Amino acid sequence: MMRRTGKSFKATVNDLLREALAPRRVPQRREPFRVEARDLGALKPGLTLDNVAELLEQVEGPRHR
């Protein structure tokens, strides 16, 4: 970039820093991202969501950490 513009190293760095730190234009407003929940069905017999640590141990084994 220095060769292309003919500017010194210091001037090039300062220009790039100014450009990077300059306020950006506000992007156009988009619709909010939405996630639709789905029913994943019932848990297997013997599993419960009341104790997540116990559930992880039952599903992934005692070394799930």
PDB file of N, CA and C in Angstrom:
ATOM      1  N   MET A   1       0.826  -1.184   0.000  1.00  0.00           N
ATOM      2  CA  MET A   1       0.000   0.000   0.000  1.00  0.00           C
ATOM      3  C   MET A   1       0.878   1.258   0.000  1.00  0.00           C
ATOM      4  N   MET A   2       2.006   1.186   0.709  1.00  0.00           N
ATOM      5  CA  MET A   2       2.917   2.342   0.751  1.00  0.00           C
ATOM      6  C   MET A   2       3.436   2.646  -0.654  1.00  0.00           C
ATOM      7  N   ARG A   3       3.816   1.591  -1.384  1.00  0.00           N
ATOM      8  CA  ARG A   3       4.327   1.800  -2.739  1.00  0.00           C
ATOM      9  C   ARG A   3       3.236   2.341  -3.661  1.00  0.00           C
ATOM     10  N   ARG A   4       2.045   1.804  -3.499  1.00  0.00           N
ATOM     11  CA  ARG A   4       0.938   2.213  -4.360  1.00  0.00           C
ATOM     12  C   ARG A   4       0.551   3.668  -4.133  1.00  0.00           C
ATOM     13  N   THR A   5       0.530   4.111  -2.853  1.00  0.00           N
ATOM     14  CA  THR A   5       0.092   5.479  -2.553  1.00  0.00           C
ATOM     15  C   THR A   5       1.235   6.476  -2.500  1.00  0.00           C
ATOM     16  N   GLY A   6       2.474   5.958  -2.327  1.00  0.00           N
ATOM     17  CA  GLY A   6       3.624   6.854  -2.219  1.00  0.00           C
ATOM     18  C   GLY A   6       3.732   7.506  -0.845  1.00  0.00           C
ATOM     19  N   LYS A   7       2.963   7.008   0.136  1.00  0.00           N
ATOM     20  CA  LYS A   7       3.000   7.575   1.488  1.00  0.00           C
ATOM     21  C   LYS A   7       4.014   6.830   2.346  1.00  0.00           C
ATOM     22  N   SER A   8       4.401   7.469   3.440  1.00  0.00           N
ATOM     23  CA  SER A   8       5.336   6.835   4.370  1.00  0.00           C
ATOM     24  C   SER A   8       4.621   5.753   5.176  1.00  0.00           C
ATOM     25  N   PHE A   9       5.409   4.931   5.875  1.00  0.00           N
ATOM     26  CA  PHE A   9       4.859   3.880   6.723  1.00  0.00           C
ATOM     27  C   PHE A   9       3.934   4.488   7.777  1.00  0.00           C
ATOM     28  N   LYS A  10       4.393   5.528   8.442  1.00  0.00           N
ATOM     29  CA  LYS A  10       3.622   6.167   9.503  1.00  0.00           C
ATOM     30  C   LYS A  10       2.289   6.709   8.958  1.00  0.00           C
ATOM     31  N   ALA A  11       2.321   7.372   7.819  1.00  0.00           N
ATOM     32  CA  ALA A  11       1.101   7.923   7.233  1.00  0.00           C
ATOM     33  C   ALA A  11       0.145   6.809   6.825  1.00  0.00           C
ATOM     34  N   THR A  12       0.677   5.723   6.289  1.00  0.00           N
ATOM     35  CA  THR A  12      -0.152   4.594   5.878  1.00  0.00           C
ATOM     36  C   THR A  12      -0.828   3.958   7.082  1.00  0.00           C
ATOM     37  N   VAL A  13      -0.058   3.728   8.156  1.00  0.00           N
ATOM     38  CA  VAL A  13      -0.623   3.136   9.376  1.00  0.00           C
ATOM     39  C   VAL A  13      -1.696   4.052   9.950  1.00  0.00           C
ATOM     40  N   ASN A  14      -1.430   5.333  10.032  1.00  0.00           N
ATOM     41  CA  ASN A  14      -2.414   6.275  10.565  1.00  0.00           C
ATOM     42  C   ASN A  14      -3.692   6.289   9.728  1.00  0.00           C
ATOM     43  N   ASP A  15      -3.549   6.280   8.416  1.00  0.00           N
ATOM     44  CA  ASP A  15      -4.728   6.265   7.541  1.00  0.00           C
ATOM     45  C   ASP A  15      -5.561   4.998   7.766  1.00  0.00           C
ATOM     46  N   LEU A  16      -4.889   3.857   7.858  1.00  0.00           N
ATOM     47  CA  LEU A  16      -5.597   2.594   8.072  1.00  0.00           C
ATOM     48  C   LEU A  16      -6.279   2.559   9.431  1.00  0.00           C
ATOM     49  N   LEU A  17      -5.605   3.091  10.460  1.00  0.00           N
ATOM     50  CA  LEU A  17      -6.220   3.144  11.788  1.00  0.00           C
ATOM     51  C   LEU A  17      -7.446   4.052  11.786  1.00  0.00           C
ATOM     52  N   ARG A  18      -7.345   5.205  11.156  1.00  0.00           N
ATOM     53  CA  ARG A  18      -8.498   6.109  11.075  1.00  0.00           C
ATOM     54  C   ARG A  18      -9.679   5.439  10.374  1.00  0.00           C
ATOM     55  N   GLU A  19      -9.380   4.740   9.293  1.00  0.00           N
ATOM     56  CA  GLU A  19     -10.439   4.056   8.542  1.00  0.00           C
ATOM     57  C   GLU A  19     -11.089   2.957   9.383  1.00  0.00           C
ATOM     58  N   ALA A  20     -10.268   2.189  10.098  1.00  0.00           N
ATOM     59  CA  ALA A  20     -10.790   1.083  10.899  1.00  0.00           C
ATOM     60  C   ALA A  20     -11.597   1.576  12.094  1.00  0.00           C
ATOM     61  N   LEU A  21     -11.203   2.713  12.669  1.00  0.00           N
ATOM     62  CA  LEU A  21     -11.875   3.220  13.866  1.00  0.00           C
ATOM     63  C   LEU A  21     -13.019   4.174  13.561  1.00  0.00           C
ATOM     64  N   ALA A  22     -13.202   4.517  12.302  1.00  0.00           N
ATOM     65  CA  ALA A  22     -14.269   5.450  11.933  1.00  0.00           C
ATOM     66  C   ALA A  22     -15.631   4.809  12.186  1.00  0.00           C
ATOM     67  N   PRO A  23     -16.603   5.610  12.585  1.00  0.00           N
ATOM     68  CA  PRO A  23     -17.939   5.066  12.802  1.00  0.00           C
ATOM     69  C   PRO A  23     -18.494   4.462  11.514  1.00  0.00           C
ATOM     70  N   ARG A  24     -19.123   3.335  11.654  1.00  0.00           N
ATOM     71  CA  ARG A  24     -19.710   2.651  10.495  1.00  0.00           C
ATOM     72  C   ARG A  24     -21.111   3.185  10.252  1.00  0.00           C
ATOM     73  N   ARG A  25     -21.550   3.085   9.019  1.00  0.00           N
ATOM     74  CA  ARG A  25     -22.923   3.492   8.747  1.00  0.00           C
ATOM     75  C   ARG A  25     -23.855   2.432   9.343  1.00  0.00           C
ATOM     76  N   VAL A  26     -25.001   2.863   9.737  1.00  0.00           N
ATOM     77  CA  VAL A  26     -25.961   1.972  10.376  1.00  0.00           C
ATOM     78  C   VAL A  26     -26.558   1.033   9.334  1.00  0.00           C
ATOM     79  N   PRO A  27     -26.486  -0.277   9.587  1.00  0.00           N
ATOM     80  CA  PRO A  27     -27.050  -1.216   8.614  1.00  0.00           C
ATOM     81  C   PRO A  27     -28.569  -1.089   8.559  1.00  0.00           C
ATOM     82  N   GLN A  28     -29.122  -1.516   7.438  1.00  0.00           N
ATOM     83  CA  GLN A  28     -30.570  -1.456   7.292  1.00  0.00           C
ATOM     84  C   GLN A  28     -31.223  -2.386   8.303  1.00  0.00           C
ATOM     85  N   ARG A  29     -32.370  -1.968   8.769  1.00  0.00           N
ATOM     86  CA  ARG A  29     -33.076  -2.756   9.773  1.00  0.00           C
ATOM     87  C   ARG A  29     -33.611  -4.043   9.140  1.00  0.00           C
ATOM     88  N   ARG A  30     -33.357  -5.154   9.797  1.00  0.00           N
ATOM     89  CA  ARG A  30     -33.830  -6.453   9.323  1.00  0.00           C
ATOM     90  C   ARG A  30     -34.894  -6.988  10.272  1.00  0.00           C
ATOM     91  N   GLU A  31     -35.630  -7.974   9.794  1.00  0.00           N
ATOM     92  CA  GLU A  31     -36.572  -8.647  10.669  1.00  0.00           C
ATOM     93  C   GLU A  31     -35.784  -9.431  11.707  1.00  0.00           C
ATOM     94  N   PRO A  32     -36.272  -9.478  12.951  1.00  0.00           N
ATOM     95  CA  PRO A  32     -35.547 -10.237  13.971  1.00  0.00           C
ATOM     96  C   PRO A  32     -35.500 -11.728  13.622  1.00  0.00           C
ATOM     97  N   PHE A  33     -34.395 -12.351  13.972  1.00  0.00           N
ATOM     98  CA  PHE A  33     -34.229 -13.788  13.752  1.00  0.00           C
ATOM     99  C   PHE A  33     -35.140 -14.531  14.717  1.00  0.00           C
ATOM    100  N   ARG A  34     -35.891 -15.460  14.222  1.00  0.00           N
ATOM    101  CA  ARG A  34     -36.822 -16.207  15.066  1.00  0.00           C
ATOM    102  C   ARG A  34     -36.526 -17.700  14.970  1.00  0.00           C
ATOM    103  N   VAL A  35     -36.650 -18.365  16.101  1.00  0.00           N
ATOM    104  CA  VAL A  35     -36.485 -19.812  16.169  1.00  0.00           C
ATOM    105  C   VAL A  35     -37.830 -20.407  16.546  1.00  0.00           C
ATOM    106  N   GLU A  36     -38.267 -21.366  15.780  1.00  0.00           N
ATOM    107  CA  GLU A  36     -39.525 -22.028  16.085  1.00  0.00           C
ATOM    108  C   GLU A  36     -39.236 -23.304  16.861  1.00  0.00           C
ATOM    109  N   ALA A  37     -39.838 -23.404  18.041  1.00  0.00           N
ATOM    110  CA  ALA A  37     -39.643 -24.587  18.890  1.00  0.00           C
ATOM    111  C   ALA A  37     -40.433 -25.761  18.320  1.00  0.00           C
ATOM    112  N   ARG A  38     -39.863 -26.941  18.454  1.00  0.00           N
ATOM    113  CA  ARG A  38     -40.547 -28.158  18.028  1.00  0.00           C
ATOM    114  C   ARG A  38     -40.576 -29.141  19.188  1.00  0.00           C
ATOM    115  N   ASP A  39     -41.564 -29.959  19.199  1.00  0.00           N
ATOM    116  CA  ASP A  39     -41.653 -31.013  20.202  1.00  0.00           C
ATOM    117  C   ASP A  39     -40.676 -32.117  19.810  1.00  0.00           C
ATOM    118  N   LEU A  40     -39.779 -32.461  20.712  1.00  0.00           N
ATOM    119  CA  LEU A  40     -38.786 -33.496  20.424  1.00  0.00           C
ATOM    120  C   LEU A  40     -39.234 -34.863  20.921  1.00  0.00           C
ATOM    121  N   GLY A  41     -40.446 -34.925  21.421  1.00  0.00           N
ATOM    122  CA  GLY A  41     -40.971 -36.198  21.885  1.00  0.00           C
ATOM    123  C   GLY A  41     -40.654 -36.417  23.362  1.00  0.00           C
ATOM    124  N   ALA A  42     -41.115 -37.514  23.860  1.00  0.00           N
ATOM    125  CA  ALA A  42     -40.930 -37.841  25.274  1.00  0.00           C
ATOM    126  C   ALA A  42     -39.518 -38.373  25.522  1.00  0.00           C
ATOM    127  N   LEU A  43     -39.047 -38.198  26.755  1.00  0.00           N
ATOM    128  CA  LEU A  43     -37.763 -38.773  27.146  1.00  0.00           C
ATOM    129  C   LEU A  43     -37.902 -40.280  27.287  1.00  0.00           C
ATOM    130  N   LYS A  44     -36.799 -40.968  27.150  1.00  0.00           N
ATOM    131  CA  LYS A  44     -36.812 -42.414  27.351  1.00  0.00           C
ATOM    132  C   LYS A  44     -37.193 -42.702  28.799  1.00  0.00           C
ATOM    133  N   PRO A  45     -37.808 -43.835  29.042  1.00  0.00           N
ATOM    134  CA  PRO A  45     -38.190 -44.175  30.417  1.00  0.00           C
ATOM    135  C   PRO A  45     -36.986 -44.133  31.353  1.00  0.00           C
ATOM    136  N   GLY A  46     -37.161 -43.558  32.527  1.00  0.00           N
ATOM    137  CA  GLY A  46     -36.093 -43.480  33.524  1.00  0.00           C
ATOM    138  C   GLY A  46     -35.305 -42.182  33.463  1.00  0.00           C
ATOM    139  N   LEU A  47     -35.489 -41.353  32.427  1.00  0.00           N
ATOM    140  CA  LEU A  47     -34.784 -40.085  32.309  1.00  0.00           C
ATOM    141  C   LEU A  47     -35.722 -38.941  32.684  1.00  0.00           C
ATOM    142  N   THR A  48     -35.179 -37.919  33.333  1.00  0.00           N
ATOM    143  CA  THR A  48     -35.967 -36.761  33.728  1.00  0.00           C
ATOM    144  C   THR A  48     -35.140 -35.493  33.528  1.00  0.00           C
ATOM    145  N   LEU A  49     -35.795 -34.373  33.283  1.00  0.00           N
ATOM    146  CA  LEU A  49     -35.103 -33.097  33.111  1.00  0.00           C
ATOM    147  C   LEU A  49     -34.953 -32.344  34.434  1.00  0.00           C
ATOM    148  N   ASP A  50     -35.394 -32.939  35.535  1.00  0.00           N
ATOM    149  CA  ASP A  50     -35.324 -32.275  36.837  1.00  0.00           C
ATOM    150  C   ASP A  50     -33.890 -32.082  37.308  1.00  0.00           C
ATOM    151  N   ASN A  51     -32.989 -32.988  36.972  1.00  0.00           N
ATOM    152  CA  ASN A  51     -31.595 -32.907  37.402  1.00  0.00           C
ATOM    153  C   ASN A  51     -30.710 -33.101  36.167  1.00  0.00           C
ATOM    154  N   VAL A  52     -30.234 -32.006  35.598  1.00  0.00           N
ATOM    155  CA  VAL A  52     -29.484 -32.061  34.349  1.00  0.00           C
ATOM    156  C   VAL A  52     -28.171 -32.831  34.511  1.00  0.00           C
ATOM    157  N   ALA A  53     -27.496 -32.656  35.622  1.00  0.00           N
ATOM    158  CA  ALA A  53     -26.224 -33.361  35.842  1.00  0.00           C
ATOM    159  C   ALA A  53     -26.445 -34.873  35.847  1.00  0.00           C
ATOM    160  N   GLU A  54     -27.501 -35.304  36.505  1.00  0.00           N
ATOM    161  CA  GLU A  54     -27.814 -36.732  36.541  1.00  0.00           C
ATOM    162  C   GLU A  54     -28.202 -37.235  35.152  1.00  0.00           C
ATOM    163  N   LEU A  55     -28.958 -36.437  34.421  1.00  0.00           N
ATOM    164  CA  LEU A  55     -29.352 -36.805  33.060  1.00  0.00           C
ATOM    165  C   LEU A  55     -28.120 -36.975  32.172  1.00  0.00           C
ATOM    166  N   LEU A  56     -27.181 -36.023  32.244  1.00  0.00           N
ATOM    167  CA  LEU A  56     -25.953 -36.130  31.454  1.00  0.00           C
ATOM    168  C   LEU A  56     -25.160 -37.376  31.817  1.00  0.00           C
ATOM    169  N   GLU A  57     -25.092 -37.680  33.108  1.00  0.00           N
ATOM    170  CA  GLU A  57     -24.348 -38.863  33.531  1.00  0.00           C
ATOM    171  C   GLU A  57     -25.011 -40.135  33.000  1.00  0.00           C
ATOM    172  N   GLN A  58     -26.336 -40.168  32.993  1.00  0.00           N
ATOM    173  CA  GLN A  58     -27.040 -41.343  32.495  1.00  0.00           C
ATOM    174  C   GLN A  58     -26.860 -41.492  30.986  1.00  0.00           C
ATOM    175  N   VAL A  59     -26.896 -40.380  30.263  1.00  0.00           N
ATOM    176  CA  VAL A  59     -26.836 -40.435  28.801  1.00  0.00           C
ATOM    177  C   VAL A  59     -25.410 -40.555  28.288  1.00  0.00           C
ATOM    178  N   GLU A  60     -24.470 -39.786  28.870  1.00  0.00           N
ATOM    179  CA  GLU A  60     -23.102 -39.737  28.348  1.00  0.00           C
ATOM    180  C   GLU A  60     -22.091 -40.485  29.197  1.00  0.00           C
ATOM    181  N   GLY A  61     -22.486 -40.954  30.365  1.00  0.00           N
ATOM    182  CA  GLY A  61     -21.576 -41.682  31.234  1.00  0.00           C
ATOM    183  C   GLY A  61     -20.961 -40.769  32.280  1.00  0.00           C
ATOM    184  N   PRO A  62     -20.267 -41.370  33.250  1.00  0.00           N
ATOM    185  CA  PRO A  62     -19.744 -40.583  34.367  1.00  0.00           C
ATOM    186  C   PRO A  62     -18.615 -39.625  33.991  1.00  0.00           C
ATOM    187  N   ARG A  63     -18.022 -39.758  32.838  1.00  0.00           N
ATOM    188  CA  ARG A  63     -16.898 -38.886  32.447  1.00  0.00           C
ATOM    189  C   ARG A  63     -17.316 -37.863  31.408  1.00  0.00           C
ATOM    190  N   HIS A  64     -18.542 -37.320  31.499  1.00  0.00           N
ATOM    191  CA  HIS A  64     -19.057 -36.374  30.495  1.00  0.00           C
ATOM    192  C   HIS A  64     -18.437 -35.004  30.579  1.00  0.00           C
ATOM    193  N   ARG A  65     -17.692 -34.698  31.617  1.00  0.00           N
ATOM    194  CA  ARG A  65     -17.127 -33.354  31.789  1.00  0.00           C
ATOM    195  C   ARG A  65     -15.946 -33.175  30.960  1.00  0.00           C
TER     196      ARG A  65
END
